[in-house]
Each structure stands twice: as structure tokens, then as C-alpha cells.
């Protein structure tokens, strides 16, 4: 997933607030309708896919940087004249 469009995490934020409210009210369960569950699932999948893509890009960048580090540079110093 190469796009860097902002993620719509509103469904996750609402769910988190719902869980916090249930916890503060000492409720034993939280119920959500199927549409909310679908939105949460889609948002989580999108977030995880973006995270995996960013991680792969970071690892590829680090591997390229490491490969450049391993290059050998030979320098000869003859003393020269001033």
C-alpha cells in the first residue's frame, strides 16, 4: 500500500471510547452492530497493511545503507611535500 492518504480512524476512536465508558461503568461486555464491526475491521486492516508496507520500506532502506557501508575504500598516503 503505497498511498500516504490520511487514515480515517474514527470508527476505532469511537470503539475505544465505548470500551473506556464500559470499563468505567463496570460493564461486563460491549456490544457493537455488524456495520460498526465491519468499519473497525476495515480500519484495522488498513492500518496494519500501511504499517507492514512502511516497515518493509524501512528495512529495504536500511539494507541499502548497510550495503553501502560495507564498501571498501583504499587510501594510500605517501607523505607528500610541503
Protein backbone atom coordinates (compact mmCIF):
# COMPACT_ATOMS: atom_id res chain seq x y z
CA UNK A 1 0.00 0.00 0.00
CA UNK A 2 1.94 3.00 -1.27
CA UNK A 3 -0.59 5.75 -0.61
CA UNK A 4 0.02 8.22 2.18
CA UNK A 5 -3.55 9.49 2.40
CA UNK A 6 -4.73 10.16 5.95
CA UNK A 7 -6.40 7.18 7.59
CA UNK A 8 -9.95 7.53 8.83
CA UNK A 9 -9.68 6.07 12.31
CA UNK A 10 -12.99 7.49 13.60
CA UNK A 11 -14.52 4.02 13.99
CA UNK A 12 -11.55 2.89 16.09
CA UNK A 13 -11.71 6.01 18.23
CA UNK A 14 -15.44 5.53 18.84
CA UNK A 15 -14.85 1.89 19.77
CA UNK A 16 -12.06 2.82 22.18
CA UNK A 17 -14.30 5.41 23.82
CA UNK A 18 -17.10 2.84 24.04
CA UNK A 19 -14.77 0.36 25.76
CA UNK A 20 -13.47 3.05 28.14
CA UNK A 21 -17.02 4.01 29.06
CA UNK A 22 -17.98 0.39 29.63
CA UNK A 23 -14.91 -0.14 31.80
CA UNK A 24 -15.63 2.96 33.88
CA UNK A 25 -19.23 1.79 34.29
CA UNK A 26 -18.06 -1.68 35.36
CA UNK A 27 -19.92 -3.30 32.48
CA UNK A 28 -19.07 -6.89 31.67
CA UNK A 29 -19.45 -6.65 27.90
CA UNK A 30 -19.53 -4.30 24.96
CA UNK A 31 -21.83 -4.91 22.02
CA UNK A 32 -21.42 -3.46 18.56
CA UNK A 33 -23.55 -3.81 15.45
CA UNK A 34 -22.23 -5.56 12.34
CA UNK A 35 -21.67 -2.31 10.39
CA UNK A 36 -19.50 -0.91 13.18
CA UNK A 37 -17.60 -4.21 13.33
CA UNK A 38 -17.02 -4.01 9.57
CA UNK A 39 -15.71 -0.44 9.83
CA UNK A 40 -13.39 -1.40 12.68
CA UNK A 41 -12.14 -4.44 10.76
CA UNK A 42 -11.52 -2.41 7.59
CA UNK A 43 -9.72 0.33 9.52
CA UNK A 44 -7.52 -2.13 11.42
CA UNK A 45 -6.66 -3.97 8.20
CA UNK A 46 -5.74 -0.68 6.52
CA UNK A 47 -3.61 0.44 9.46
CA UNK A 48 -1.79 -2.91 9.61
CA UNK A 49 -1.23 -3.00 5.85
CA UNK A 50 0.22 0.52 5.92
CA UNK A 51 2.40 -0.39 8.91
CA UNK A 52 3.70 -3.51 7.14
CA UNK A 53 4.45 -1.50 4.00
CA UNK A 54 6.27 1.18 5.97
CA UNK A 55 8.25 -1.48 7.83
CA UNK A 56 9.28 -3.19 4.58
CA UNK A 57 10.34 0.15 3.09
CA UNK A 58 12.36 0.95 6.20
CA UNK A 59 14.07 -2.44 6.14
CA UNK A 60 14.88 -2.08 2.44
CA UNK A 61 16.33 1.38 3.08
CA UNK A 62 18.43 0.06 5.99
CA UNK A 63 19.68 -2.87 3.92
CA UNK A 64 20.72 -0.48 1.15
CA UNK A 65 22.50 1.75 3.67
CA UNK A 66 24.28 -1.27 5.18
CA UNK A 67 25.37 -2.43 1.72
CA UNK A 68 26.89 0.98 1.05
CA UNK A 69 28.66 0.89 4.43
CA UNK A 70 30.39 -2.37 3.54
CA UNK A 71 32.12 -0.84 0.50
CA UNK A 72 35.90 -0.85 0.86
CA UNK A 73 37.79 2.36 0.24
CA UNK A 74 41.57 2.14 -0.15
CA UNK A 75 43.60 5.26 0.65
CA UNK A 76 47.34 5.50 0.12
CA UNK A 77 49.34 8.20 1.87
CA UNK A 78 52.83 8.92 0.54
CA UNK A 79 53.78 11.68 2.94
CA UNK A 80 53.89 14.38 0.28
CA UNK A 81 55.96 17.58 0.33
CA UNK A 82 55.03 20.87 1.89
